[in-house]
Amino acid sequence: MKQLWAPWRIDYILGPKPDECVFCLPKGTEEDAGRLVLHRGQASFVIMNKFPYNNGHLMVCPYRHVMALENLTEDESREIMELLQRCATILKRHFNCQGINVGLNQGEAAGAGIREHLHFHLVPRWNGDSSFMAVLDEVRTLPEHLSRTYAELLPYFRASGSCAPGNGSPERQPAQ
């Protein structure tokens, strides 16, 4: 897959590769913006994908370093599903997407890039979002920089309560 413009990838390409799991987060929140963490729950968290398939590509992960779905605790399973639902609501509301791919690649054979730590993907989709680009040359375009998307999504996760209309969630603001 080719990217037309993805300046944030150079840090990954040229930078040192982490020895530790990228989904095993430190307890403090001082590094959350740099790691693109949008929300921390009791058993799981929401993070933006630094190498997204589309704008707004989010991931929901348990804190615990677990690699199989069947090894999640009831609390982890419950919170992950709640966060997947909340993320879907936020993505629809903010991006006005017409669909969302929600998925889990469990194990290397299933396509998991980081197989050791379970993580669920949410990718907003629009009719014709890749148009002819993906058909002709497997190219995807990202119209917004990650840092801007992070800044725009963060208030939704900071709002208290659910993300249903009228429950304290911010409305979509036009780009400046």
Protein backbone atom coordinates (compact mmCIF):
# COMPACT_ATOMS: atom_id res chain seq x y z
CA MET A 1 0.00 0.00 0.00
CA LYS A 2 1.37 3.44 -0.92
CA GLN A 3 0.81 6.72 0.88
CA LEU A 4 0.72 9.95 -1.04
CA TRP A 5 1.64 12.00 2.00
CA ALA A 6 2.39 10.68 5.46
CA PRO A 7 5.13 12.80 7.08
CA TRP A 8 4.64 11.19 10.51
CA ARG A 9 5.90 7.84 9.17
CA ILE A 10 9.49 9.10 8.89
CA ASP A 11 9.81 9.01 12.69
CA TYR A 12 8.96 5.31 12.65
CA ILE A 13 11.12 4.52 9.61
CA LEU A 14 14.26 6.30 10.82
CA GLY A 15 13.73 6.19 14.55
CA PRO A 16 14.68 3.49 17.03
CA LYS A 17 12.22 0.63 17.36
CA PRO A 18 10.80 0.14 20.83
CA ASP A 19 11.97 -2.87 22.80
CA GLU A 20 8.76 -2.93 24.79
CA CYS A 21 5.18 -3.40 23.60
CA VAL A 22 3.73 -0.17 22.17
CA PHE A 23 0.37 -0.98 23.78
CA CYS A 24 1.74 -1.47 27.31
CA LEU A 25 1.27 2.10 28.54
CA PRO A 26 2.95 3.67 31.54
CA LYS A 27 0.60 4.53 34.39
CA GLY A 28 1.03 8.31 34.12
CA THR A 29 -0.77 10.42 31.57
CA GLU A 30 1.99 12.94 30.83
CA GLU A 31 2.92 11.12 27.60
CA ASP A 32 -0.65 10.59 26.38
CA ALA A 33 -0.65 13.34 23.74
CA GLY A 34 2.60 12.06 22.22
CA ARG A 35 1.27 8.50 22.23
CA LEU A 36 -2.10 9.72 20.85
CA VAL A 37 -4.04 8.27 23.82
CA LEU A 38 -7.54 9.73 23.75
CA HIS A 39 -9.08 7.98 26.76
CA ARG A 40 -8.01 5.84 29.71
CA GLY A 41 -10.58 3.58 31.30
CA GLN A 42 -10.24 1.19 34.23
CA ALA A 43 -9.26 -1.88 32.19
CA SER A 44 -8.70 -0.53 28.68
CA PHE A 45 -7.90 2.59 26.68
CA VAL A 46 -8.48 4.31 23.32
CA ILE A 47 -5.54 5.32 21.16
CA MET A 48 -5.20 6.68 17.63
CA ASN A 49 -3.31 4.58 15.13
CA LYS A 50 -0.04 6.37 14.25
CA PHE A 51 -0.05 4.64 10.85
CA PRO A 52 -3.76 4.87 9.97
CA TYR A 53 -5.74 3.32 7.15
CA ASN A 54 -8.00 6.39 7.17
CA ASN A 55 -8.47 9.59 9.16
CA GLY A 56 -9.88 8.86 12.61
CA HIS A 57 -8.47 5.30 12.76
CA LEU A 58 -8.80 4.40 16.45
CA MET A 59 -7.81 1.36 18.49
CA VAL A 60 -9.22 0.04 21.75
CA CYS A 61 -6.80 -2.04 23.83
CA PRO A 62 -6.79 -3.67 27.25
CA TYR A 63 -4.03 -2.44 29.55
CA ARG A 64 -3.14 -6.02 30.35
CA HIS A 65 -0.68 -7.63 27.94
CA VAL A 66 -2.95 -10.36 26.59
CA MET A 67 -2.92 -11.82 23.10
CA ALA A 68 -6.13 -13.86 22.85
CA LEU A 69 -9.74 -12.73 22.97
CA GLU A 70 -10.72 -15.68 25.14
CA ASN A 71 -8.21 -14.59 27.80
CA LEU A 72 -9.92 -11.25 28.49
CA THR A 73 -11.61 -10.90 31.87
CA GLU A 74 -15.32 -10.04 32.07
CA ASP A 75 -14.44 -6.49 33.13
CA GLU A 76 -12.01 -6.07 30.23
CA SER A 77 -14.53 -7.47 27.74
CA ARG A 78 -17.32 -5.25 29.01
CA GLU A 79 -15.25 -2.08 29.00
CA ILE A 80 -13.76 -2.78 25.57
CA MET A 81 -17.25 -3.21 24.09
CA GLU A 82 -18.44 -0.02 25.80
CA LEU A 83 -15.44 1.85 24.39
CA LEU A 84 -16.00 0.41 20.90
CA GLN A 85 -19.58 1.69 21.05
CA ARG A 86 -18.48 5.08 22.36
CA CYS A 87 -15.79 5.37 19.67
CA ALA A 88 -18.30 4.47 16.94
CA THR A 89 -20.65 7.19 18.19
CA ILE A 90 -17.84 9.75 18.28
CA LEU A 91 -16.54 8.85 14.82
CA LYS A 92 -20.02 9.08 13.28
CA ARG A 93 -20.72 12.36 14.99
CA HIS A 94 -17.38 14.02 14.31
CA PHE A 95 -16.55 12.74 10.83
CA ASN A 96 -20.08 12.15 9.52
CA CYS A 97 -18.80 8.81 8.23
CA GLN A 98 -21.20 6.52 6.42
CA GLY A 99 -19.72 3.35 7.90
CA ILE A 100 -17.05 2.03 10.24
CA ASN A 101 -14.85 -1.02 9.89
CA VAL A 102 -14.49 -2.58 13.36
CA GLY A 103 -12.05 -5.42 13.59
CA LEU A 104 -9.61 -7.56 15.50
CA ASN A 105 -6.73 -9.44 13.92
CA GLN A 106 -5.90 -12.13 16.45
CA GLY A 107 -2.55 -13.74 15.72
CA GLU A 108 0.06 -13.24 13.04
CA ALA A 109 -1.73 -15.55 10.56
CA ALA A 110 -4.80 -13.30 10.84
CA GLY A 111 -2.77 -10.20 10.00
CA ALA A 112 -2.00 -8.80 13.45
CA GLY A 113 0.95 -6.44 13.12
CA ILE A 114 1.44 -6.56 16.89
CA ARG A 115 0.16 -10.01 17.79
CA GLU A 116 1.30 -10.05 21.43
CA HIS A 117 -1.17 -7.40 22.62
CA LEU A 118 -4.82 -7.59 21.64
CA HIS A 119 -6.19 -4.42 20.01
CA PHE A 120 -9.40 -3.61 18.18
CA HIS A 121 -9.48 -1.27 15.18
CA LEU A 122 -12.18 1.24 14.25
CA VAL A 123 -11.74 2.80 10.80
CA PRO A 124 -14.26 5.42 9.62
CA ARG A 125 -15.40 4.93 6.02
CA TRP A 126 -17.22 7.05 3.45
CA ASN A 127 -18.78 6.00 0.18
CA GLY A 128 -15.99 6.44 -2.35
CA ASP A 129 -13.47 7.46 0.35
CA SER A 130 -10.58 6.09 -1.64
CA SER A 131 -12.33 6.41 -4.97
CA PHE A 132 -10.22 5.37 -7.94
CA MET A 133 -6.96 5.64 -5.95
CA ALA A 134 -7.27 2.27 -4.16
CA VAL A 135 -8.51 0.52 -7.29
CA LEU A 136 -5.76 1.75 -9.61
CA ASP A 137 -2.69 1.60 -7.42
CA GLU A 138 -3.67 0.61 -3.86
CA VAL A 139 -3.10 4.18 -2.68
CA ARG A 140 -4.92 5.77 0.24
CA THR A 141 -5.08 9.45 1.02
CA LEU A 142 -5.31 11.07 4.46
CA PRO A 143 -6.72 14.61 4.21
CA GLU A 144 -5.93 15.64 7.79
CA HIS A 145 -2.73 15.44 9.85
CA LEU A 146 -2.78 13.13 12.90
CA SER A 147 -2.10 15.94 15.38
CA ARG A 148 -5.12 17.88 14.16
CA THR A 149 -7.38 14.81 14.28
CA TYR A 150 -6.13 14.09 17.83
CA ALA A 151 -6.88 17.66 18.94
CA GLU A 152 -10.37 17.51 17.43
CA LEU A 153 -11.29 14.10 18.91
CA LEU A 154 -9.90 14.64 22.42
CA PRO A 155 -12.80 16.84 23.66
CA TYR A 156 -15.29 14.06 22.88
CA PHE A 157 -13.44 11.71 25.19
CA ARG A 158 -13.05 14.35 27.89
CA ALA A 159 -16.78 15.07 27.92
CA SER A 160 -18.51 13.37 30.82
CA GLY A 161 -21.11 10.69 30.32
CA SER A 162 -22.05 9.01 27.11
CA CYS A 163 -21.67 10.55 23.67
CA ALA A 164 -25.35 10.55 22.84
CA PRO A 165 -26.75 13.92 21.71
CA GLY A 166 -27.58 16.13 24.65
CA ASN A 167 -25.24 14.37 27.08
CA GLY A 168 -22.40 16.84 27.18
CA SER A 169 -20.63 15.81 23.98
CA PRO A 170 -19.24 18.63 21.88
CA GLU A 171 -20.82 19.30 18.52
CA ARG A 172 -18.72 19.01 15.36
CA GLN A 173 -16.90 22.30 14.89
CA PRO A 174 -15.90 23.48 11.43
CA ALA A 175 -12.16 23.44 10.68
CA GLN A 176 -10.42 26.75 11.26
